[in-house]
Amino acid sequence: MAGARVSGVYEIHPFTCTCTKPVLVWCDMETDGGGWTVFLNRQHQAIQLDFNRTWSDYKAGFGSPYSEYYLGNELLHQMTHGRMYAIRMDVTLASGGYDFSTYQYFTVYSEEKR
């Protein structure tokens, strides 16, 4: 992704990930300087993905980075443990307004530590 300047779906190879293949994620290259890996995305669309899911679904992730998705707790743990990551949460309110918050340290613990 070095040099990438356009938001879109990118293939990443998380350096601590035990996954056997690359992972597709949506990368936001515009907001607040860019470089954000989007791990949860909801959209206003006619047919919405059901986010009322089991723990197993949230562990593994679901959906598609081309539309609505959740990356998955296990992959988030693999990506964030042992390194400093910031998180930015952008929210569109039911009233049509918009808000965001940024936190300087973000990590997802392993399932054993939940």
PDB file of N, CA and C in Angstrom:
ATOM      1  N   MET A   1       0.805  -1.187   0.000  1.00  0.00           N
ATOM      2  CA  MET A   1       0.000   0.000   0.000  1.00  0.00           C
ATOM      3  C   MET A   1       0.853   1.258   0.000  1.00  0.00           C
ATOM      4  N   ALA A   2       2.146   1.101   0.131  1.00  0.00           N
ATOM      5  CA  ALA A   2       2.995   2.281   0.132  1.00  0.00           C
ATOM      6  C   ALA A   2       2.752   3.076  -1.136  1.00  0.00           C
ATOM      7  N   GLY A   3       2.502   4.354  -0.980  1.00  0.00           N
ATOM      8  CA  GLY A   3       2.253   5.217  -2.115  1.00  0.00           C
ATOM      9  C   GLY A   3       0.800   5.270  -2.561  1.00  0.00           C
ATOM     10  N   ALA A   4      -0.048   4.432  -2.011  1.00  0.00           N
ATOM     11  CA  ALA A   4      -1.467   4.421  -2.394  1.00  0.00           C
ATOM     12  C   ALA A   4      -2.132   5.699  -1.902  1.00  0.00           C
ATOM     13  N   ARG A   5      -2.963   6.299  -2.767  1.00  0.00           N
ATOM     14  CA  ARG A   5      -3.607   7.563  -2.400  1.00  0.00           C
ATOM     15  C   ARG A   5      -5.104   7.557  -2.625  1.00  0.00           C
ATOM     16  N   VAL A   6      -5.631   6.453  -3.111  1.00  0.00           N
ATOM     17  CA  VAL A   6      -7.051   6.372  -3.436  1.00  0.00           C
ATOM     18  C   VAL A   6      -7.720   5.380  -2.495  1.00  0.00           C
ATOM     19  N   SER A   7      -8.832   5.778  -1.892  1.00  0.00           N
ATOM     20  CA  SER A   7      -9.582   4.862  -1.029  1.00  0.00           C
ATOM     21  C   SER A   7     -10.133   3.719  -1.865  1.00  0.00           C
ATOM     22  N   GLY A   8     -10.112   2.523  -1.287  1.00  0.00           N
ATOM     23  CA  GLY A   8     -10.637   1.359  -1.998  1.00  0.00           C
ATOM     24  C   GLY A   8     -10.235   0.076  -1.311  1.00  0.00           C
ATOM     25  N   VAL A   9     -10.510  -1.043  -1.966  1.00  0.00           N
ATOM     26  CA  VAL A   9     -10.169  -2.356  -1.427  1.00  0.00           C
ATOM     27  C   VAL A   9      -8.723  -2.672  -1.791  1.00  0.00           C
ATOM     28  N   TYR A  10      -7.956  -3.055  -0.770  1.00  0.00           N
ATOM     29  CA  TYR A  10      -6.553  -3.412  -0.952  1.00  0.00           C
ATOM     30  C   TYR A  10      -6.297  -4.777  -0.331  1.00  0.00           C
ATOM     31  N   GLU A  11      -5.292  -5.448  -0.843  1.00  0.00           N
ATOM     32  CA  GLU A  11      -4.839  -6.726  -0.297  1.00  0.00           C
ATOM     33  C   GLU A  11      -3.719  -6.422   0.690  1.00  0.00           C
ATOM     34  N   ILE A  12      -3.886  -6.897   1.924  1.00  0.00           N
ATOM     35  CA  ILE A  12      -2.837  -6.680   2.924  1.00  0.00           C
ATOM     36  C   ILE A  12      -2.292  -8.023   3.384  1.00  0.00           C
ATOM     37  N   HIS A  13      -1.094  -7.976   3.912  1.00  0.00           N
ATOM     38  CA  HIS A  13      -0.427  -9.152   4.468  1.00  0.00           C
ATOM     39  C   HIS A  13       0.005  -8.776   5.883  1.00  0.00           C
ATOM     40  N   PRO A  14      -0.913  -8.872   6.850  1.00  0.00           N
ATOM     41  CA  PRO A  14      -0.568  -8.467   8.221  1.00  0.00           C
ATOM     42  C   PRO A  14       0.662  -9.220   8.713  1.00  0.00           C
ATOM     43  N   PHE A  15       1.647  -8.492   9.209  1.00  0.00           N
ATOM     44  CA  PHE A  15       2.931  -9.107   9.536  1.00  0.00           C
ATOM     45  C   PHE A  15       2.858 -10.111  10.677  1.00  0.00           C
ATOM     46  N   THR A  16       1.871 -10.016  11.546  1.00  0.00           N
ATOM     47  CA  THR A  16       1.769 -10.993  12.631  1.00  0.00           C
ATOM     48  C   THR A  16       0.646 -11.989  12.396  1.00  0.00           C
ATOM     49  N   CYS A  17      -0.005 -11.898  11.260  1.00  0.00           N
ATOM     50  CA  CYS A  17      -1.178 -12.732  10.996  1.00  0.00           C
ATOM     51  C   CYS A  17      -0.781 -14.176  10.708  1.00  0.00           C
ATOM     52  N   THR A  18      -1.531 -15.097  11.281  1.00  0.00           N
ATOM     53  CA  THR A  18      -1.298 -16.516  11.018  1.00  0.00           C
ATOM     54  C   THR A  18      -2.160 -17.005   9.864  1.00  0.00           C
ATOM     55  N   CYS A  19      -2.832 -16.082   9.175  1.00  0.00           N
ATOM     56  CA  CYS A  19      -3.680 -16.470   8.050  1.00  0.00           C
ATOM     57  C   CYS A  19      -2.800 -16.985   6.906  1.00  0.00           C
ATOM     58  N   THR A  20      -3.362 -17.865   6.115  1.00  0.00           N
ATOM     59  CA  THR A  20      -2.585 -18.486   5.049  1.00  0.00           C
ATOM     60  C   THR A  20      -2.652 -17.716   3.745  1.00  0.00           C
ATOM     61  N   LYS A  21      -3.507 -16.724   3.677  1.00  0.00           N
ATOM     62  CA  LYS A  21      -3.630 -15.959   2.439  1.00  0.00           C
ATOM     63  C   LYS A  21      -3.772 -14.481   2.770  1.00  0.00           C
ATOM     64  N   PRO A  22      -3.545 -13.621   1.791  1.00  0.00           N
ATOM     65  CA  PRO A  22      -3.719 -12.190   2.033  1.00  0.00           C
ATOM     66  C   PRO A  22      -5.170 -11.872   2.385  1.00  0.00           C
ATOM     67  N   VAL A  23      -5.365 -10.716   2.985  1.00  0.00           N
ATOM     68  CA  VAL A  23      -6.685 -10.294   3.435  1.00  0.00           C
ATOM     69  C   VAL A  23      -7.101  -9.055   2.642  1.00  0.00           C
ATOM     70  N   LEU A  24      -8.355  -9.042   2.178  1.00  0.00           N
ATOM     71  CA  LEU A  24      -8.891  -7.870   1.498  1.00  0.00           C
ATOM     72  C   LEU A  24      -9.557  -6.956   2.517  1.00  0.00           C
ATOM     73  N   VAL A  25      -9.179  -5.690   2.503  1.00  0.00           N
ATOM     74  CA  VAL A  25      -9.750  -4.703   3.422  1.00  0.00           C
ATOM     75  C   VAL A  25     -10.029  -3.411   2.663  1.00  0.00           C
ATOM     76  N   TRP A  26     -10.956  -2.616   3.191  1.00  0.00           N
ATOM     77  CA  TRP A  26     -11.190  -1.281   2.645  1.00  0.00           C
ATOM     78  C   TRP A  26     -10.212  -0.344   3.334  1.00  0.00           C
ATOM     79  N   CYS A  27      -9.477   0.429   2.566  1.00  0.00           N
ATOM     80  CA  CYS A  27      -8.542   1.403   3.108  1.00  0.00           C
ATOM     81  C   CYS A  27      -9.024   2.805   2.770  1.00  0.00           C
ATOM     82  N   ASP A  28      -9.125   3.635   3.796  1.00  0.00           N
ATOM     83  CA  ASP A  28      -9.541   5.027   3.640  1.00  0.00           C
ATOM     84  C   ASP A  28      -8.275   5.865   3.513  1.00  0.00           C
ATOM     85  N   MET A  29      -8.034   6.380   2.335  1.00  0.00           N
ATOM     86  CA  MET A  29      -6.819   7.145   2.061  1.00  0.00           C
ATOM     87  C   MET A  29      -7.066   8.652   2.030  1.00  0.00           C
ATOM     88  N   GLU A  30      -8.248   9.073   2.499  1.00  0.00           N
ATOM     89  CA  GLU A  30      -8.587  10.492   2.429  1.00  0.00           C
ATOM     90  C   GLU A  30      -8.831  11.123   3.798  1.00  0.00           C
ATOM     91  N   THR A  31      -9.525  10.426   4.674  1.00  0.00           N
ATOM     92  CA  THR A  31      -9.918  10.988   5.962  1.00  0.00           C
ATOM     93  C   THR A  31      -8.709  11.229   6.856  1.00  0.00           C
ATOM     94  N   ASP A  32      -8.608  12.431   7.397  1.00  0.00           N
ATOM     95  CA  ASP A  32      -7.599  12.759   8.408  1.00  0.00           C
ATOM     96  C   ASP A  32      -6.196  12.311   7.999  1.00  0.00           C
ATOM     97  N   GLY A  33      -5.830  12.542   6.765  1.00  0.00           N
ATOM     98  CA  GLY A  33      -4.491  12.200   6.284  1.00  0.00           C
ATOM     99  C   GLY A  33      -4.379  10.830   5.643  1.00  0.00           C
ATOM    100  N   GLY A  34      -5.422  10.010   5.745  1.00  0.00           N
ATOM    101  CA  GLY A  34      -5.435   8.696   5.096  1.00  0.00           C
ATOM    102  C   GLY A  34      -4.657   7.636   5.856  1.00  0.00           C
ATOM    103  N   GLY A  35      -4.628   6.443   5.269  1.00  0.00           N
ATOM    104  CA  GLY A  35      -3.905   5.324   5.864  1.00  0.00           C
ATOM    105  C   GLY A  35      -4.712   4.537   6.876  1.00  0.00           C
ATOM    106  N   TRP A  36      -6.039   4.643   6.836  1.00  0.00           N
ATOM    107  CA  TRP A  36      -6.898   3.950   7.793  1.00  0.00           C
ATOM    108  C   TRP A  36      -7.391   2.627   7.217  1.00  0.00           C
ATOM    109  N   THR A  37      -7.216   1.547   7.962  1.00  0.00           N
ATOM    110  CA  THR A  37      -7.794   0.255   7.602  1.00  0.00           C
ATOM    111  C   THR A  37      -9.185   0.200   8.209  1.00  0.00           C
ATOM    112  N   VAL A  38     -10.197   0.108   7.377  1.00  0.00           N
ATOM    113  CA  VAL A  38     -11.583   0.085   7.851  1.00  0.00           C
ATOM    114  C   VAL A  38     -11.918  -1.348   8.250  1.00  0.00           C
ATOM    115  N   PHE A  39     -12.253  -1.550   9.539  1.00  0.00           N
ATOM    116  CA  PHE A  39     -12.551  -2.918   9.972  1.00  0.00           C
ATOM    117  C   PHE A  39     -14.038  -3.169  10.190  1.00  0.00           C
ATOM    118  N   LEU A  40     -14.863  -2.121  10.137  1.00  0.00           N
ATOM    119  CA  LEU A  40     -16.313  -2.284  10.207  1.00  0.00           C
ATOM    120  C   LEU A  40     -16.934  -1.214   9.325  1.00  0.00           C
ATOM    121  N   ASN A  41     -17.803  -1.636   8.425  1.00  0.00           N
ATOM    122  CA  ASN A  41     -18.451  -0.683   7.537  1.00  0.00           C
ATOM    123  C   ASN A  41     -19.917  -1.035   7.379  1.00  0.00           C
ATOM    124  N   ARG A  42     -20.759  -0.059   7.674  1.00  0.00           N
ATOM    125  CA  ARG A  42     -22.204  -0.164   7.419  1.00  0.00           C
ATOM    126  C   ARG A  42     -22.547   0.899   6.400  1.00  0.00           C
ATOM    127  N   GLN A  43     -23.474   0.601   5.513  1.00  0.00           N
ATOM    128  CA  GLN A  43     -23.872   1.557   4.489  1.00  0.00           C
ATOM    129  C   GLN A  43     -25.381   1.665   4.454  1.00  0.00           C
ATOM    130  N   HIS A  44     -25.850   2.770   3.909  1.00  0.00           N
ATOM    131  CA  HIS A  44     -27.285   2.931   3.672  1.00  0.00           C
ATOM    132  C   HIS A  44     -27.566   2.324   2.307  1.00  0.00           C
ATOM    133  N   GLN A  45     -28.117   1.124   2.296  1.00  0.00           N
ATOM    134  CA  GLN A  45     -28.432   0.449   1.038  1.00  0.00           C
ATOM    135  C   GLN A  45     -29.748  -0.292   1.191  1.00  0.00           C
ATOM    136  N   ALA A  46     -30.356  -0.640   0.076  1.00  0.00           N
ATOM    137  CA  ALA A  46     -31.686  -1.271   0.084  1.00  0.00           C
ATOM    138  C   ALA A  46     -31.694  -2.561   0.904  1.00  0.00           C
ATOM    139  N   ILE A  47     -30.719  -3.417   0.694  1.00  0.00           N
ATOM    140  CA  ILE A  47     -30.624  -4.668   1.452  1.00  0.00           C
ATOM    141  C   ILE A  47     -29.356  -4.597   2.288  1.00  0.00           C
ATOM    142  N   GLN A  48     -29.542  -4.550   3.608  1.00  0.00           N
ATOM    143  CA  GLN A  48     -28.391  -4.429   4.494  1.00  0.00           C
ATOM    144  C   GLN A  48     -27.976  -5.785   5.039  1.00  0.00           C
ATOM    145  N   LEU A  49     -26.679  -5.926   5.236  1.00  0.00           N
ATOM    146  CA  LEU A  49     -26.123  -7.127   5.825  1.00  0.00           C
ATOM    147  C   LEU A  49     -26.577  -7.221   7.280  1.00  0.00           C
ATOM    148  N   ASP A  50     -26.980  -8.400   7.712  1.00  0.00           N
ATOM    149  CA  ASP A  50     -27.426  -8.622   9.086  1.00  0.00           C
ATOM    150  C   ASP A  50     -26.212  -8.687  10.010  1.00  0.00           C
ATOM    151  N   PHE A  51     -26.099  -7.740  10.930  1.00  0.00           N
ATOM    152  CA  PHE A  51     -24.995  -7.721  11.888  1.00  0.00           C
ATOM    153  C   PHE A  51     -25.390  -8.381  13.213  1.00  0.00           C
ATOM    154  N   ASN A  52     -26.594  -8.910  13.318  1.00  0.00           N
ATOM    155  CA  ASN A  52     -27.028  -9.651  14.499  1.00  0.00           C
ATOM    156  C   ASN A  52     -26.506 -11.073  14.334  1.00  0.00           C
ATOM    157  N   ARG A  53     -25.291 -11.307  14.835  1.00  0.00           N
ATOM    158  CA  ARG A  53     -24.548 -12.531  14.538  1.00  0.00           C
ATOM    159  C   ARG A  53     -24.023 -13.196  15.799  1.00  0.00           C
ATOM    160  N   THR A  54     -23.483 -14.384  15.618  1.00  0.00           N
ATOM    161  CA  THR A  54     -22.908 -15.154  16.718  1.00  0.00           C
ATOM    162  C   THR A  54     -21.483 -14.683  17.020  1.00  0.00           C
ATOM    163  N   TRP A  55     -20.989 -15.122  18.177  1.00  0.00           N
ATOM    164  CA  TRP A  55     -19.601 -14.834  18.543  1.00  0.00           C
ATOM    165  C   TRP A  55     -18.652 -15.404  17.492  1.00  0.00           C
ATOM    166  N   SER A  56     -18.935 -16.591  16.994  1.00  0.00           N
ATOM    167  CA  SER A  56     -18.084 -17.213  15.967  1.00  0.00           C
ATOM    168  C   SER A  56     -17.993 -16.339  14.724  1.00  0.00           C
ATOM    169  N   ASP A  57     -19.110 -15.750  14.318  1.00  0.00           N
ATOM    170  CA  ASP A  57     -19.104 -14.859  13.155  1.00  0.00           C
ATOM    171  C   ASP A  57     -18.228 -13.638  13.407  1.00  0.00           C
ATOM    172  N   TYR A  58     -18.355 -13.046  14.599  1.00  0.00           N
ATOM    173  CA  TYR A  58     -17.546 -11.870  14.909  1.00  0.00           C
ATOM    174  C   TYR A  58     -16.077 -12.236  15.064  1.00  0.00           C
ATOM    175  N   LYS A  59     -15.787 -13.435  15.498  1.00  0.00           N
ATOM    176  CA  LYS A  59     -14.401 -13.893  15.591  1.00  0.00           C
ATOM    177  C   LYS A  59     -13.786 -14.010  14.200  1.00  0.00           C
ATOM    178  N   ALA A  60     -14.508 -14.616  13.273  1.00  0.00           N
ATOM    179  CA  ALA A  60     -13.985 -14.888  11.932  1.00  0.00           C
ATOM    180  C   ALA A  60     -14.138 -13.713  10.968  1.00  0.00           C
ATOM    181  N   GLY A  61     -15.111 -12.848  11.218  1.00  0.00           N
ATOM    182  CA  GLY A  61     -15.410 -11.769  10.288  1.00  0.00           C
ATOM    183  C   GLY A  61     -16.460 -12.200   9.279  1.00  0.00           C
ATOM    184  N   PHE A  62     -17.087 -11.224   8.632  1.00  0.00           N
ATOM    185  CA  PHE A  62     -18.152 -11.529   7.677  1.00  0.00           C
ATOM    186  C   PHE A  62     -18.386 -10.339   6.760  1.00  0.00           C
ATOM    187  N   GLY A  63     -19.083 -10.599   5.662  1.00  0.00           N
ATOM    188  CA  GLY A  63     -19.405  -9.557   4.701  1.00  0.00           C
ATOM    189  C   GLY A  63     -18.316  -9.390   3.659  1.00  0.00           C
ATOM    190  N   SER A  64     -18.350  -8.254   2.983  1.00  0.00           N
ATOM    191  CA  SER A  64     -17.407  -7.960   1.902  1.00  0.00           C
ATOM    192  C   SER A  64     -16.888  -6.535   2.036  1.00  0.00           C
ATOM    193  N   PRO A  65     -15.566  -6.336   1.919  1.00  0.00           N
ATOM    194  CA  PRO A  65     -15.035  -4.975   2.004  1.00  0.00           C
ATOM    195  C   PRO A  65     -15.506  -4.075   0.860  1.00  0.00           C
ATOM    196  N   TYR A  66     -16.140  -4.662  -0.144  1.00  0.00           N
ATOM    197  CA  TYR A  66     -16.691  -3.865  -1.237  1.00  0.00           C
ATOM    198  C   TYR A  66     -18.037  -3.247  -0.855  1.00  0.00           C
ATOM    199  N   SER A  67     -18.609  -3.694   0.268  1.00  0.00           N
ATOM    200  CA  SER A  67     -19.882  -3.131   0.726  1.00  0.00           C
ATOM    201  C   SER A  67     -19.870  -3.074   2.248  1.00  0.00           C
ATOM    202  N   GLU A  68     -20.697  -3.895   2.897  1.00  0.00           N
ATOM    203  CA  GLU A  68     -20.739  -3.913   4.363  1.00  0.00           C
ATOM    204  C   GLU A  68     -19.931  -5.103   4.869  1.00  0.00           C
ATOM    205  N   TYR A  69     -19.183  -4.879   5.954  1.00  0.00           N
ATOM    206  CA  TYR A  69     -18.404  -5.993   6.500  1.00  0.00           C
ATOM    207  C   TYR A  69     -17.866  -5.687   7.891  1.00  0.00           C
ATOM    208  N   TYR A  70     -17.435  -6.770   8.536  1.00  0.00           N
ATOM    209  CA  TYR A  70     -16.677  -6.692   9.782  1.00  0.00           C
ATOM    210  C   TYR A  70     -15.453  -7.567   9.584  1.00  0.00           C
ATOM    211  N   LEU A  71     -14.282  -7.046   9.812  1.00  0.00           N
ATOM    212  CA  LEU A  71     -13.033  -7.745   9.528  1.00  0.00           C
ATOM    213  C   LEU A  71     -12.839  -8.995  10.378  1.00  0.00           C
ATOM    214  N   GLY A  72     -13.244  -8.956  11.638  1.00  0.00           N
ATOM    215  CA  GLY A  72     -13.130 -10.125  12.507  1.00  0.00           C
ATOM    216  C   GLY A  72     -12.207  -9.895  13.686  1.00  0.00           C
ATOM    217  N   ASN A  73     -12.640 -10.362  14.859  1.00  0.00           N
ATOM    218  CA  ASN A  73     -11.864 -10.173  16.086  1.00  0.00           C
ATOM    219  C   ASN A  73     -10.494 -10.836  16.023  1.00  0.00           C
ATOM    220  N   GLU A  74     -10.426 -12.044  15.470  1.00  0.00           N
ATOM    221  CA  GLU A  74      -9.150 -12.765  15.430  1.00  0.00           C
ATOM    222  C   GLU A  74      -8.124 -12.018  14.580  1.00  0.00           C
ATOM    223  N   LEU A  75      -8.533 -11.571  13.419  1.00  0.00           N
ATOM    224  CA  LEU A  75      -7.605 -10.833  12.562  1.00  0.00           C
ATOM    225  C   LEU A  75      -7.231  -9.492  13.197  1.00  0.00           C
ATOM    226  N   LEU A  76      -8.192  -8.821  13.820  1.00  0.00           N
ATOM    227  CA  LEU A  76      -7.877  -7.567  14.513  1.00  0.00           C
ATOM    228  C   LEU A  76      -6.873  -7.804  15.638  1.00  0.00           C
ATOM    229  N   HIS A  77      -7.028  -8.903  16.355  1.00  0.00           N
ATOM    230  CA  HIS A  77      -6.058  -9.240  17.397  1.00  0.00           C
ATOM    231  C   HIS A  77      -4.678  -9.460  16.776  1.00  0.00           C
ATOM    232  N   GLN A  78      -4.620 -10.252  15.717  1.00  0.00           N
ATOM    233  CA  GLN A  78      -3.338 -10.534  15.069  1.00  0.00           C
ATOM    234  C   GLN A  78      -2.672  -9.253  14.558  1.00  0.00           C
ATOM    235  N   MET A  79      -3.476  -8.335  14.080  1.00  0.00           N
ATOM    236  CA  MET A  79      -2.927  -7.093  13.531  1.00  0.00           C
ATOM    237  C   MET A  79      -2.489  -6.107  14.607  1.00  0.00           C
ATOM    238  N   THR A  80      -3.175  -6.083  15.755  1.00  0.00           N
ATOM    239  CA  THR A  80      -2.935  -5.012  16.726  1.00  0.00           C
ATOM    240  C   THR A  80      -2.111  -5.404  17.939  1.00  0.00           C
ATOM    241  N   HIS A  81      -1.964  -6.682  18.251  1.00  0.00           N
ATOM    242  CA  HIS A  81      -1.224  -6.992  19.478  1.00  0.00           C
ATOM    243  C   HIS A  81       0.267  -6.724  19.276  1.00  0.00           C
ATOM    244  N   GLY A  82       0.851  -6.122  20.283  1.00  0.00           N
ATOM    245  CA  GLY A  82       2.280  -5.856  20.254  1.00  0.00           C
ATOM    246  C   GLY A  82       2.694  -4.597  19.504  1.00  0.00           C
ATOM    247  N   ARG A  83       1.740  -3.831  18.995  1.00  0.00           N
ATOM    248  CA  ARG A  83       2.065  -2.590  18.294  1.00  0.00           C
ATOM    249  C   ARG A  83       1.086  -1.505  18.708  1.00  0.00           C
ATOM    250  N   MET A  84       1.495  -0.263  18.508  1.00  0.00           N
ATOM    251  CA  MET A  84       0.628   0.869  18.813  1.00  0.00           C
ATOM    252  C   MET A  84      -0.221   1.201  17.586  1.00  0.00           C
ATOM    253  N   TYR A  85      -1.520   1.202  17.762  1.00  0.00           N
ATOM    254  CA  TYR A  85      -2.444   1.577  16.698  1.00  0.00           C
ATOM    255  C   TYR A  85      -3.421   2.610  17.224  1.00  0.00           C
ATOM    256  N   ALA A  86      -3.779   3.559  16.380  1.00  0.00           N
ATOM    257  CA  ALA A  86      -4.835   4.518  16.695  1.00  0.00           C
ATOM    258  C   ALA A  86      -6.112   4.027  16.035  1.00  0.00           C
ATOM    259  N   ILE A  87      -7.242   4.441  16.585  1.00  0.00           N
ATOM    260  CA  ILE A  87      -8.533   4.103  15.995  1.00  0.00           C
ATOM    261  C   ILE A  87      -9.328   5.393  15.826  1.00  0.00           C
ATOM    262  N   ARG A  88      -9.993   5.479  14.704  1.00  0.00           N
ATOM    263  CA  ARG A  88     -10.889   6.606  14.442  1.00  0.00           C
ATOM    264  C   ARG A  88     -12.250   6.012  14.129  1.00  0.00           C
ATOM    265  N   MET A  89     -13.261   6.474  14.851  1.00  0.00           N
ATOM    266  CA  MET A  89     -14.624   5.991  14.632  1.00  0.00           C
ATOM    267  C   MET A  89     -15.446   7.122  14.045  1.00  0.00           C
ATOM    268  N   ASP A  90     -15.923   6.907  12.829  1.00  0.00           N
ATOM    269  CA  ASP A  90     -16.784   7.869  12.147  1.00  0.00           C
ATOM    270  C   ASP A  90     -18.202   7.329  12.176  1.00  0.00           C
ATOM    271  N   VAL A  91     -19.148   8.175  12.577  1.00  0.00           N
ATOM    272  CA  VAL A  91     -20.531   7.734  12.747  1.00  0.00           C
ATOM    273  C   VAL A  91     -21.474   8.715  12.054  1.00  0.00           C
ATOM    274  N   THR A  92     -22.372   8.163  11.245  1.00  0.00           N
ATOM    275  CA  THR A  92     -23.467   8.953  10.694  1.00  0.00           C
ATOM    276  C   THR A  92     -24.663   8.734  11.605  1.00  0.00           C
ATOM    277  N   LEU A  93     -25.185   9.789  12.166  1.00  0.00           N
ATOM    278  CA  LEU A  93     -26.271   9.703  13.134  1.00  0.00           C
ATOM    279  C   LEU A  93     -27.613   9.525  12.437  1.00  0.00           C
ATOM    280  N   ALA A  94     -28.574   8.976  13.147  1.00  0.00           N
ATOM    281  CA  ALA A  94     -29.917   8.774  12.596  1.00  0.00           C
ATOM    282  C   ALA A  94     -30.531  10.095  12.144  1.00  0.00           C
ATOM    283  N   SER A  95     -30.144  11.182  12.790  1.00  0.00           N
ATOM    284  CA  SER A  95     -30.663  12.509  12.439  1.00  0.00           C
ATOM    285  C   SER A  95     -30.063  13.049  11.145  1.00  0.00           C
ATOM    286  N   GLY A  96     -29.068  12.326  10.618  1.00  0.00           N
ATOM    287  CA  GLY A  96     -28.393  12.784   9.410  1.00  0.00           C
ATOM    288  C   GLY A  96     -27.092  13.497   9.703  1.00  0.00           C
ATOM    289  N   GLY A  97     -26.840  13.762  10.975  1.00  0.00           N
ATOM    290  CA  GLY A  97     -25.594  14.408  11.368  1.00  0.00           C
ATOM    291  C   GLY A  97     -24.423  13.444  11.293  1.00  0.00           C
ATOM    292  N   TYR A  98     -23.259  13.949  11.668  1.00  0.00           N
ATOM    293  CA  TYR A  98     -22.029  13.172  11.565  1.00  0.00           C
ATOM    294  C   TYR A  98     -21.141  13.504  12.753  1.00  0.00           C
ATOM    295  N   ASP A  99     -20.419  12.511  13.239  1.00  0.00           N
ATOM    296  CA  ASP A  99     -19.475  12.745  14.324  1.00  0.00           C
ATOM    297  C   ASP A  99     -18.344  11.735  14.219  1.00  0.00           C
ATOM    298  N   PHE A 100     -17.244  12.010  14.914  1.00  0.00           N
ATOM    299  CA  PHE A 100     -16.138  11.058  14.959  1.00  0.00           C
ATOM    300  C   PHE A 100     -15.367  11.234  16.257  1.00  0.00           C
ATOM    301  N   SER A 101     -14.648  10.196  16.633  1.00  0.00           N
ATOM    302  CA  SER A 101     -13.743  10.223  17.782  1.00  0.00           C
ATOM    303  C   SER A 101     -12.468   9.500  17.384  1.00  0.00           C
ATOM    304  N   THR A 102     -11.348   9.964  17.910  1.00  0.00           N
ATOM    305  CA  THR A 102     -10.062   9.319  17.659  1.00  0.00           C
ATOM    306  C   THR A 102      -9.433   8.965  18.998  1.00  0.00           C
ATOM    307  N   TYR A 103      -8.916   7.757  19.094  1.00  0.00           N
ATOM    308  CA  TYR A 103      -8.217   7.291  20.286  1.00  0.00           C
ATOM    309  C   TYR A 103      -6.822   6.860  19.863  1.00  0.00           C
ATOM    310  N   GLN A 104      -5.836   7.233  20.651  1.00  0.00           N
ATOM    311  CA  GLN A 104      -4.453   7.015  20.252  1.00  0.00           C
ATOM    312  C   GLN A 104      -3.945   5.594  20.454  1.00  0.00           C
ATOM    313  N   TYR A 105      -4.603   4.805  21.280  1.00  0.00           N
ATOM    314  CA  TYR A 105      -4.144   3.432  21.472  1.00  0.00           C
ATOM    315  C   TYR A 105      -5.323   2.491  21.336  1.00  0.00           C
ATOM    316  N   PHE A 106      -5.173   1.510  20.492  1.00  0.00           N
ATOM    317  CA  PHE A 106      -6.234   0.541  20.232  1.00  0.00           C
ATOM    318  C   PHE A 106      -5.613  -0.833  20.067  1.00  0.00           C
ATOM    319  N   THR A 107      -6.159  -1.806  20.768  1.00  0.00           N
ATOM    320  CA  THR A 107      -5.730  -3.191  20.601  1.00  0.00           C
ATOM    321  C   THR A 107      -6.928  -4.098  20.826  1.00  0.00           C
ATOM    322  N   VAL A 108      -6.900  -5.249  20.207  1.00  0.00           N
ATOM    323  CA  VAL A 108      -7.917  -6.272  20.430  1.00  0.00           C
ATOM    324  C   VAL A 108      -7.201  -7.453  21.069  1.00  0.00           C
ATOM    325  N   TYR A 109      -7.613  -7.798  22.277  1.00  0.00           N
ATOM    326  CA  TYR A 109      -6.997  -8.919  22.976  1.00  0.00           C
ATOM    327  C   TYR A 109      -7.443 -10.244  22.376  1.00  0.00           C
ATOM    328  N   SER A 110      -6.700 -11.278  22.690  1.00  0.00           N
ATOM    329  CA  SER A 110      -7.050 -12.616  22.212  1.00  0.00           C
ATOM    330  C   SER A 110      -8.356 -13.066  22.856  1.00  0.00           C
ATOM    331  N   GLU A 111      -8.974 -14.052  22.268  1.00  0.00           N
ATOM    332  CA  GLU A 111     -10.229 -14.582  22.804  1.00  0.00           C
ATOM    333  C   GLU A 111     -10.043 -15.081  24.238  1.00  0.00           C
ATOM    334  N   GLU A 112      -8.887 -15.625  24.543  1.00  0.00           N
ATOM    335  CA  GLU A 112      -8.616 -16.134  25.888  1.00  0.00           C
ATOM    336  C   GLU A 112      -8.635 -15.031  26.938  1.00  0.00           C
ATOM    337  N   LYS A 113      -8.327 -13.797  26.546  1.00  0.00           N
ATOM    338  CA  LYS A 113      -8.276 -12.676  27.491  1.00  0.00           C
ATOM    339  C   LYS A 113      -9.561 -11.864  27.533  1.00  0.00           C
ATOM    340  N   ARG A 114     -10.593 -12.299  26.832  1.00  0.00           N
ATOM    341  CA  ARG A 114     -11.811 -11.479  26.762  1.00  0.00           C
ATOM    342  C   ARG A 114     -12.485 -11.348  28.061  1.00  0.00           C
TER     343      ARG A 114
END
